[in-house]
């Protein structure tokens, strides 16, 4: 499913293809925890779904 989000820091609009179903989206919107609604997504993909941040490391620096 294609998901489009706007990065709240840069206002960049990004679209990403995520392996999620309408049922998973409905579960999240009904209050399921992100990691429970989308257990098959990587942490980066879940972050993108929730916040629109496409590349956290690029914006804030990687681990030191």
C-alpha atoms as a PDB file:
ATOM      1  CA  UNK A   1       0.000   0.000   0.000  1.00  0.00           C
ATOM      2  CA  UNK A   2       1.376   3.428  -0.888  1.00  0.00           C
ATOM      3  CA  UNK A   3       1.540   5.755   2.105  1.00  0.00           C
ATOM      4  CA  UNK A   4       2.200   9.465   1.710  1.00  0.00           C
ATOM      5  CA  UNK A   5       3.297  11.555   4.652  1.00  0.00           C
ATOM      6  CA  UNK A   6       4.708  15.036   5.177  1.00  0.00           C
ATOM      7  CA  UNK A   7       7.894  15.360   7.192  1.00  0.00           C
ATOM      8  CA  UNK A   8       6.989  17.759  10.026  1.00  0.00           C
ATOM      9  CA  UNK A   9      10.491  19.271  10.129  1.00  0.00           C
ATOM     10  CA  UNK A  10      11.162  19.825   6.420  1.00  0.00           C
ATOM     11  CA  UNK A  11       7.613  19.852   5.007  1.00  0.00           C
ATOM     12  CA  UNK A  12       8.852  17.397   2.386  1.00  0.00           C
ATOM     13  CA  UNK A  13       6.114  15.118   1.072  1.00  0.00           C
ATOM     14  CA  UNK A  14       7.318  11.517   0.774  1.00  0.00           C
ATOM     15  CA  UNK A  15       5.602   8.391  -0.483  1.00  0.00           C
ATOM     16  CA  UNK A  16       6.688   4.912   0.473  1.00  0.00           C
ATOM     17  CA  UNK A  17       5.329   1.504  -0.473  1.00  0.00           C
ATOM     18  CA  UNK A  18       4.608  -0.359   2.761  1.00  0.00           C
ATOM     19  CA  UNK A  19       3.585  -3.996   3.093  1.00  0.00           C
ATOM     20  CA  UNK A  20       0.445  -3.321   5.140  1.00  0.00           C
ATOM     21  CA  UNK A  21      -3.225  -4.128   4.811  1.00  0.00           C
ATOM     22  CA  UNK A  22      -6.345  -2.023   5.290  1.00  0.00           C
ATOM     23  CA  UNK A  23      -7.115  -4.212   8.311  1.00  0.00           C
ATOM     24  CA  UNK A  24      -3.795  -3.288   9.920  1.00  0.00           C
ATOM     25  CA  UNK A  25      -4.443   0.408   9.286  1.00  0.00           C
ATOM     26  CA  UNK A  26      -7.904   0.073  10.844  1.00  0.00           C
ATOM     27  CA  UNK A  27      -6.422  -1.671  13.894  1.00  0.00           C
ATOM     28  CA  UNK A  28      -3.897   1.146  14.362  1.00  0.00           C
ATOM     29  CA  UNK A  29      -6.540   3.815  13.924  1.00  0.00           C
ATOM     30  CA  UNK A  30      -8.707   2.001  16.487  1.00  0.00           C
ATOM     31  CA  UNK A  31      -5.932   2.302  19.064  1.00  0.00           C
ATOM     32  CA  UNK A  32      -3.581  -0.650  18.569  1.00  0.00           C
ATOM     33  CA  UNK A  33       0.063   0.074  19.306  1.00  0.00           C
ATOM     34  CA  UNK A  34       2.043   0.784  16.153  1.00  0.00           C
ATOM     35  CA  UNK A  35       4.330  -2.218  16.625  1.00  0.00           C
ATOM     36  CA  UNK A  36       1.334  -4.502  17.225  1.00  0.00           C
ATOM     37  CA  UNK A  37      -0.669  -3.212  14.260  1.00  0.00           C
ATOM     38  CA  UNK A  38       2.305  -3.469  11.885  1.00  0.00           C
ATOM     39  CA  UNK A  39       4.569  -6.227  13.251  1.00  0.00           C
ATOM     40  CA  UNK A  40       5.989  -6.970   9.815  1.00  0.00           C
ATOM     41  CA  UNK A  41       7.328  -3.440   9.258  1.00  0.00           C
ATOM     42  CA  UNK A  42      10.825  -2.349  10.140  1.00  0.00           C
ATOM     43  CA  UNK A  43      11.289   0.305  12.801  1.00  0.00           C
ATOM     44  CA  UNK A  44      12.132   2.810  10.028  1.00  0.00           C
ATOM     45  CA  UNK A  45       8.929   2.004   8.137  1.00  0.00           C
ATOM     46  CA  UNK A  46       6.840   2.297  11.294  1.00  0.00           C
ATOM     47  CA  UNK A  47       8.454   5.667  12.044  1.00  0.00           C
ATOM     48  CA  UNK A  48       7.675   6.832   8.529  1.00  0.00           C
ATOM     49  CA  UNK A  49       4.049   5.713   8.873  1.00  0.00           C
ATOM     50  CA  UNK A  50       3.647   7.531  12.181  1.00  0.00           C
ATOM     51  CA  UNK A  51       5.633  10.736  11.653  1.00  0.00           C
ATOM     52  CA  UNK A  52       6.482  11.112   7.981  1.00  0.00           C
ATOM     53  CA  UNK A  53      10.185  11.226   8.767  1.00  0.00           C
ATOM     54  CA  UNK A  54      11.814   9.441   5.846  1.00  0.00           C
ATOM     55  CA  UNK A  55      15.438   9.341   6.987  1.00  0.00           C
ATOM     56  CA  UNK A  56      15.955   9.923  10.691  1.00  0.00           C
ATOM     57  CA  UNK A  57      19.739   9.489  10.556  1.00  0.00           C
ATOM     58  CA  UNK A  58      20.102  12.050   7.769  1.00  0.00           C
ATOM     59  CA  UNK A  59      18.052  14.614   9.686  1.00  0.00           C
ATOM     60  CA  UNK A  60      19.490  14.144  13.160  1.00  0.00           C
ATOM     61  CA  UNK A  61      22.739  12.265  12.671  1.00  0.00           C
ATOM     62  CA  UNK A  62      23.460   8.587  13.106  1.00  0.00           C
ATOM     63  CA  UNK A  63      24.557   6.757  16.187  1.00  0.00           C
ATOM     64  CA  UNK A  64      27.886   7.872  17.538  1.00  0.00           C
END
